[in-house]
Amino acid sequence: MVLCLTGIIVTSAGLRSVNAQRRPRCYMAAMVIWFVSVGIELMSLLAFPIKFLEEISEQAEVHWHFGWGYWVGWASAIFIFVSGLLLVIDKDAEELVYREITSKKKQLGSNEETEAV
């Protein structure tokens, strides 16, 4: 949970940054934090049923099921992974748009100069 909150803060800092060198560093740090968070969560989600089965096999009770909290954990792992994946996909989109606008402005500027001559 702490890693998820840290990922949200770092991603927000990257989105708010106007510095072109700081934004990719924030995005990269946020991606690492998101994926480490997913890894830790998946380890706990996989270790829980294994340890539970070991403990319950020693007792006579064999009928059991997972509660809603376990499924919420899986859903949150999926959402965290998707948010990290979307950050990977979108990390260079703003820089590409900025480059296209800049190059188009340069082309328009050179066309206006040739028309004025």
N, C-alpha and C. Protein backbone atom coordinates (compact mmCIF):
# COMPACT_ATOMS: atom_id res chain seq x y z
N MET A 1 0.83 -1.19 0.00
CA MET A 1 0.00 0.00 0.00
C MET A 1 0.88 1.26 0.00
N VAL A 2 1.96 1.21 0.75
CA VAL A 2 2.87 2.36 0.79
C VAL A 2 3.51 2.56 -0.58
N LEU A 3 3.88 1.48 -1.25
CA LEU A 3 4.46 1.61 -2.59
C LEU A 3 3.45 2.16 -3.58
N CYS A 4 2.21 1.76 -3.47
CA CYS A 4 1.17 2.29 -4.36
C CYS A 4 0.99 3.80 -4.16
N LEU A 5 0.94 4.22 -2.92
CA LEU A 5 0.81 5.66 -2.65
C LEU A 5 2.03 6.43 -3.14
N THR A 6 3.22 5.84 -2.97
CA THR A 6 4.43 6.47 -3.46
C THR A 6 4.39 6.56 -4.98
N GLY A 7 3.92 5.51 -5.65
CA GLY A 7 3.78 5.53 -7.10
C GLY A 7 2.82 6.61 -7.57
N ILE A 8 1.74 6.80 -6.85
CA ILE A 8 0.78 7.85 -7.21
C ILE A 8 1.42 9.23 -7.06
N ILE A 9 2.17 9.43 -5.99
CA ILE A 9 2.81 10.73 -5.76
C ILE A 9 3.87 11.01 -6.82
N VAL A 10 4.69 10.01 -7.14
CA VAL A 10 5.74 10.20 -8.14
C VAL A 10 5.14 10.43 -9.53
N THR A 11 4.09 9.71 -9.86
CA THR A 11 3.42 9.92 -11.15
C THR A 11 2.81 11.31 -11.21
N SER A 12 2.20 11.75 -10.14
CA SER A 12 1.62 13.10 -10.10
C SER A 12 2.70 14.16 -10.24
N ALA A 13 3.85 13.94 -9.60
CA ALA A 13 4.96 14.89 -9.73
C ALA A 13 5.45 14.95 -11.17
N GLY A 14 5.48 13.80 -11.84
CA GLY A 14 5.89 13.78 -13.25
C GLY A 14 4.89 14.48 -14.15
N LEU A 15 3.62 14.32 -13.86
CA LEU A 15 2.59 14.98 -14.67
C LEU A 15 2.60 16.49 -14.48
N ARG A 16 2.90 16.93 -13.28
CA ARG A 16 2.90 18.37 -13.00
C ARG A 16 4.19 19.06 -13.41
N SER A 17 5.22 18.30 -13.69
CA SER A 17 6.53 18.87 -14.00
C SER A 17 6.53 19.52 -15.38
N VAL A 18 7.12 20.69 -15.45
CA VAL A 18 7.29 21.36 -16.73
C VAL A 18 8.70 21.18 -17.27
N ASN A 19 9.57 20.63 -16.44
CA ASN A 19 10.95 20.37 -16.83
C ASN A 19 10.99 19.11 -17.71
N ALA A 20 11.53 19.24 -18.91
CA ALA A 20 11.53 18.11 -19.86
C ALA A 20 12.46 16.99 -19.41
N GLN A 21 13.49 17.28 -18.63
CA GLN A 21 14.39 16.23 -18.16
C GLN A 21 13.85 15.52 -16.92
N ARG A 22 13.06 16.20 -16.13
CA ARG A 22 12.55 15.61 -14.89
C ARG A 22 11.39 14.65 -15.14
N ARG A 23 10.56 14.96 -16.11
CA ARG A 23 9.36 14.15 -16.37
C ARG A 23 9.70 12.69 -16.70
N PRO A 24 10.62 12.39 -17.63
CA PRO A 24 10.92 10.97 -17.89
C PRO A 24 11.51 10.24 -16.67
N ARG A 25 12.28 10.95 -15.86
CA ARG A 25 12.83 10.32 -14.65
C ARG A 25 11.72 9.98 -13.67
N CYS A 26 10.76 10.87 -13.53
CA CYS A 26 9.62 10.59 -12.64
C CYS A 26 8.80 9.42 -13.17
N TYR A 27 8.58 9.40 -14.48
CA TYR A 27 7.83 8.29 -15.08
C TYR A 27 8.55 6.96 -14.88
N MET A 28 9.86 6.95 -15.08
CA MET A 28 10.62 5.72 -14.92
C MET A 28 10.58 5.25 -13.46
N ALA A 29 10.75 6.17 -12.53
CA ALA A 29 10.69 5.81 -11.11
C ALA A 29 9.30 5.29 -10.75
N ALA A 30 8.27 5.92 -11.27
CA ALA A 30 6.89 5.47 -10.99
C ALA A 30 6.64 4.09 -11.57
N MET A 31 7.14 3.83 -12.78
CA MET A 31 6.96 2.51 -13.37
C MET A 31 7.62 1.43 -12.53
N VAL A 32 8.84 1.70 -12.07
CA VAL A 32 9.54 0.73 -11.23
C VAL A 32 8.76 0.50 -9.94
N ILE A 33 8.28 1.56 -9.34
CA ILE A 33 7.52 1.44 -8.09
C ILE A 33 6.24 0.64 -8.31
N TRP A 34 5.51 0.92 -9.41
CA TRP A 34 4.27 0.18 -9.69
C TRP A 34 4.55 -1.30 -9.87
N PHE A 35 5.58 -1.65 -10.65
CA PHE A 35 5.83 -3.06 -10.93
C PHE A 35 6.40 -3.79 -9.71
N VAL A 36 7.19 -3.12 -8.88
CA VAL A 36 7.64 -3.74 -7.64
C VAL A 36 6.44 -3.98 -6.72
N SER A 37 5.54 -3.04 -6.68
CA SER A 37 4.33 -3.18 -5.87
C SER A 37 3.49 -4.38 -6.34
N VAL A 38 3.35 -4.52 -7.65
CA VAL A 38 2.59 -5.66 -8.18
C VAL A 38 3.29 -6.96 -7.84
N GLY A 39 4.61 -6.99 -7.95
CA GLY A 39 5.36 -8.20 -7.62
C GLY A 39 5.19 -8.62 -6.18
N ILE A 40 5.28 -7.67 -5.28
CA ILE A 40 5.11 -7.98 -3.85
C ILE A 40 3.68 -8.44 -3.58
N GLU A 41 2.71 -7.78 -4.20
CA GLU A 41 1.33 -8.18 -3.99
C GLU A 41 1.04 -9.57 -4.54
N LEU A 42 1.60 -9.90 -5.70
CA LEU A 42 1.39 -11.23 -6.26
C LEU A 42 2.04 -12.31 -5.40
N MET A 43 3.22 -12.00 -4.84
CA MET A 43 3.85 -12.98 -3.96
C MET A 43 2.97 -13.26 -2.75
N SER A 44 2.38 -12.23 -2.18
CA SER A 44 1.52 -12.45 -1.02
C SER A 44 0.23 -13.15 -1.40
N LEU A 45 -0.32 -12.83 -2.58
CA LEU A 45 -1.55 -13.49 -3.02
C LEU A 45 -1.33 -14.96 -3.35
N LEU A 46 -0.14 -15.31 -3.78
CA LEU A 46 0.15 -16.71 -4.06
C LEU A 46 0.58 -17.48 -2.82
N ALA A 47 1.24 -16.81 -1.89
CA ALA A 47 1.71 -17.49 -0.68
C ALA A 47 0.56 -17.74 0.30
N PHE A 48 -0.43 -16.89 0.32
CA PHE A 48 -1.54 -17.04 1.26
C PHE A 48 -2.27 -18.38 1.11
N PRO A 49 -2.73 -18.75 -0.09
CA PRO A 49 -3.45 -20.04 -0.17
C PRO A 49 -2.54 -21.24 0.09
N ILE A 50 -1.28 -21.15 -0.28
CA ILE A 50 -0.36 -22.27 -0.04
C ILE A 50 -0.21 -22.51 1.45
N LYS A 51 0.06 -21.44 2.19
CA LYS A 51 0.21 -21.57 3.64
C LYS A 51 -1.11 -21.97 4.30
N PHE A 52 -2.20 -21.45 3.79
CA PHE A 52 -3.51 -21.80 4.35
C PHE A 52 -3.80 -23.28 4.15
N LEU A 53 -3.48 -23.81 2.97
CA LEU A 53 -3.71 -25.23 2.71
C LEU A 53 -2.84 -26.12 3.59
N GLU A 54 -1.60 -25.68 3.84
CA GLU A 54 -0.73 -26.43 4.74
C GLU A 54 -1.32 -26.47 6.15
N GLU A 55 -1.84 -25.35 6.59
CA GLU A 55 -2.40 -25.27 7.94
C GLU A 55 -3.70 -26.05 8.07
N ILE A 56 -4.56 -25.97 7.07
CA ILE A 56 -5.86 -26.62 7.16
C ILE A 56 -5.74 -28.13 6.95
N SER A 57 -4.72 -28.59 6.26
CA SER A 57 -4.57 -30.03 6.03
C SER A 57 -4.26 -30.77 7.34
N GLU A 58 -3.73 -30.06 8.31
CA GLU A 58 -3.46 -30.66 9.61
C GLU A 58 -4.73 -30.82 10.43
N GLN A 59 -5.77 -30.09 10.12
CA GLN A 59 -7.03 -30.15 10.85
C GLN A 59 -8.02 -31.04 10.10
N ALA A 60 -9.10 -31.36 10.75
CA ALA A 60 -10.10 -32.25 10.16
C ALA A 60 -10.99 -31.53 9.16
N GLU A 61 -11.08 -30.22 9.26
CA GLU A 61 -11.97 -29.45 8.39
C GLU A 61 -11.36 -29.33 6.99
N VAL A 62 -12.08 -29.73 5.97
CA VAL A 62 -11.56 -29.65 4.61
C VAL A 62 -12.40 -28.73 3.73
N HIS A 63 -13.58 -28.32 4.15
CA HIS A 63 -14.42 -27.43 3.36
C HIS A 63 -14.07 -25.98 3.70
N TRP A 64 -13.59 -25.24 2.71
CA TRP A 64 -13.21 -23.85 2.92
C TRP A 64 -13.33 -23.11 1.60
N HIS A 65 -13.35 -21.80 1.67
CA HIS A 65 -13.36 -20.95 0.49
C HIS A 65 -12.74 -19.61 0.85
N PHE A 66 -12.32 -18.88 -0.17
CA PHE A 66 -11.74 -17.56 0.05
C PHE A 66 -12.85 -16.54 0.21
N GLY A 67 -12.57 -15.55 1.02
CA GLY A 67 -13.52 -14.46 1.20
C GLY A 67 -13.36 -13.40 0.12
N TRP A 68 -14.15 -12.36 0.24
CA TRP A 68 -14.15 -11.30 -0.76
C TRP A 68 -12.84 -10.51 -0.74
N GLY A 69 -12.16 -10.47 0.39
CA GLY A 69 -10.91 -9.71 0.47
C GLY A 69 -9.82 -10.28 -0.42
N TYR A 70 -9.79 -11.59 -0.58
CA TYR A 70 -8.80 -12.22 -1.44
C TYR A 70 -9.02 -11.82 -2.90
N TRP A 71 -10.27 -11.79 -3.31
CA TRP A 71 -10.58 -11.41 -4.69
C TRP A 71 -10.36 -9.92 -4.93
N VAL A 72 -10.57 -9.12 -3.92
CA VAL A 72 -10.25 -7.69 -4.04
C VAL A 72 -8.75 -7.51 -4.21
N GLY A 73 -7.96 -8.33 -3.52
CA GLY A 73 -6.51 -8.29 -3.68
C GLY A 73 -6.09 -8.61 -5.11
N TRP A 74 -6.71 -9.61 -5.73
CA TRP A 74 -6.40 -9.94 -7.12
C TRP A 74 -6.83 -8.81 -8.06
N ALA A 75 -7.98 -8.23 -7.79
CA ALA A 75 -8.44 -7.12 -8.64
C ALA A 75 -7.49 -5.92 -8.52
N SER A 76 -7.04 -5.63 -7.31
CA SER A 76 -6.12 -4.50 -7.15
C SER A 76 -4.79 -4.78 -7.83
N ALA A 77 -4.31 -6.03 -7.80
CA ALA A 77 -3.07 -6.37 -8.49
C ALA A 77 -3.21 -6.16 -9.99
N ILE A 78 -4.35 -6.53 -10.53
CA ILE A 78 -4.59 -6.32 -11.96
C ILE A 78 -4.63 -4.83 -12.29
N PHE A 79 -5.33 -4.04 -11.48
CA PHE A 79 -5.41 -2.60 -11.73
C PHE A 79 -4.06 -1.91 -11.60
N ILE A 80 -3.26 -2.32 -10.63
CA ILE A 80 -1.93 -1.73 -10.47
C ILE A 80 -1.05 -2.08 -11.66
N PHE A 81 -1.12 -3.33 -12.12
CA PHE A 81 -0.33 -3.73 -13.29
C PHE A 81 -0.76 -2.95 -14.52
N VAL A 82 -2.06 -2.78 -14.72
CA VAL A 82 -2.56 -2.04 -15.88
C VAL A 82 -2.13 -0.57 -15.80
N SER A 83 -2.15 0.02 -14.61
CA SER A 83 -1.72 1.41 -14.49
C SER A 83 -0.24 1.56 -14.81
N GLY A 84 0.58 0.62 -14.38
CA GLY A 84 1.99 0.67 -14.74
C GLY A 84 2.20 0.46 -16.23
N LEU A 85 1.42 -0.45 -16.83
CA LEU A 85 1.51 -0.70 -18.26
C LEU A 85 1.08 0.52 -19.06
N LEU A 86 0.04 1.19 -18.64
CA LEU A 86 -0.39 2.40 -19.34
C LEU A 86 0.65 3.51 -19.23
N LEU A 87 1.35 3.56 -18.11
CA LEU A 87 2.41 4.55 -17.97
C LEU A 87 3.57 4.23 -18.90
N VAL A 88 3.86 2.96 -19.10
CA VAL A 88 4.91 2.56 -20.04
C VAL A 88 4.51 2.95 -21.46
N ILE A 89 3.27 2.71 -21.81
CA ILE A 89 2.80 3.01 -23.17
C ILE A 89 2.77 4.51 -23.43
N ASP A 90 2.37 5.31 -22.45
CA ASP A 90 2.13 6.73 -22.66
C ASP A 90 3.32 7.62 -22.29
N LYS A 91 4.42 7.08 -21.86
CA LYS A 91 5.47 7.93 -21.30
C LYS A 91 6.10 8.90 -22.31
N ASP A 92 6.14 8.56 -23.60
CA ASP A 92 6.76 9.44 -24.59
C ASP A 92 5.76 10.16 -25.48
N ALA A 93 4.48 10.05 -25.20
CA ALA A 93 3.46 10.63 -26.08
C ALA A 93 3.53 12.15 -26.09
N GLU A 94 3.72 12.78 -24.95
CA GLU A 94 3.74 14.23 -24.90
C GLU A 94 4.96 14.79 -25.61
N GLU A 95 6.09 14.10 -25.51
CA GLU A 95 7.29 14.57 -26.17
C GLU A 95 7.14 14.49 -27.68
N LEU A 96 6.47 13.46 -28.18
CA LEU A 96 6.26 13.34 -29.62
C LEU A 96 5.35 14.44 -30.14
N VAL A 97 4.30 14.76 -29.42
CA VAL A 97 3.40 15.84 -29.83
C VAL A 97 4.14 17.17 -29.83
N TYR A 98 4.98 17.39 -28.83
CA TYR A 98 5.73 18.64 -28.75
C TYR A 98 6.69 18.75 -29.93
N ARG A 99 7.33 17.66 -30.30
CA ARG A 99 8.26 17.68 -31.43
C ARG A 99 7.52 17.95 -32.73
N GLU A 100 6.34 17.37 -32.92
CA GLU A 100 5.59 17.60 -34.14
C GLU A 100 5.15 19.05 -34.24
N ILE A 101 4.69 19.61 -33.16
CA ILE A 101 4.25 21.01 -33.17
C ILE A 101 5.43 21.92 -33.46
N THR A 102 6.56 21.64 -32.85
CA THR A 102 7.74 22.47 -33.07
C THR A 102 8.19 22.40 -34.52
N SER A 103 8.23 21.21 -35.09
CA SER A 103 8.68 21.09 -36.48
C SER A 103 7.68 21.72 -37.43
N LYS A 104 6.37 21.63 -37.13
CA LYS A 104 5.38 22.27 -37.99
C LYS A 104 5.49 23.79 -37.92
N LYS A 105 5.78 24.31 -36.74
CA LYS A 105 5.95 25.76 -36.61
C LYS A 105 7.15 26.23 -37.42
N LYS A 106 8.22 25.44 -37.40
CA LYS A 106 9.40 25.81 -38.19
C LYS A 106 9.08 25.78 -39.67
N GLN A 107 8.30 24.78 -40.13
CA GLN A 107 7.93 24.70 -41.53
C GLN A 107 7.03 25.86 -41.92
N LEU A 108 6.08 26.21 -41.06
CA LEU A 108 5.20 27.34 -41.35
C LEU A 108 5.98 28.64 -41.39
N GLY A 109 6.93 28.79 -40.50
CA GLY A 109 7.75 29.99 -40.48
C GLY A 109 8.58 30.13 -41.75
N SER A 110 9.13 29.04 -42.26
CA SER A 110 9.93 29.11 -43.48
C SER A 110 9.05 29.35 -44.70
N ASN A 111 7.82 28.84 -44.71
CA ASN A 111 6.90 29.09 -45.82
C ASN A 111 6.47 30.56 -45.85
N GLU A 112 6.25 31.16 -44.69
CA GLU A 112 5.86 32.57 -44.64
C GLU A 112 6.97 33.45 -45.14
N GLU A 113 8.22 33.07 -44.84
CA GLU A 113 9.35 33.88 -45.31
C GLU A 113 9.46 33.81 -46.81
N THR A 114 9.23 32.64 -47.42
CA THR A 114 9.33 32.52 -48.87
C THR A 114 8.18 33.27 -49.58
N GLU A 115 7.01 33.31 -48.95
CA GLU A 115 5.88 34.04 -49.55
C GLU A 115 6.12 35.54 -49.47
N ALA A 116 6.79 35.99 -48.40
CA ALA A 116 7.03 37.42 -48.27
C ALA A 116 8.07 37.91 -49.27
N VAL A 117 8.94 37.04 -49.75
CA VAL A 117 9.99 37.44 -50.67
C VAL A 117 9.47 37.50 -52.04
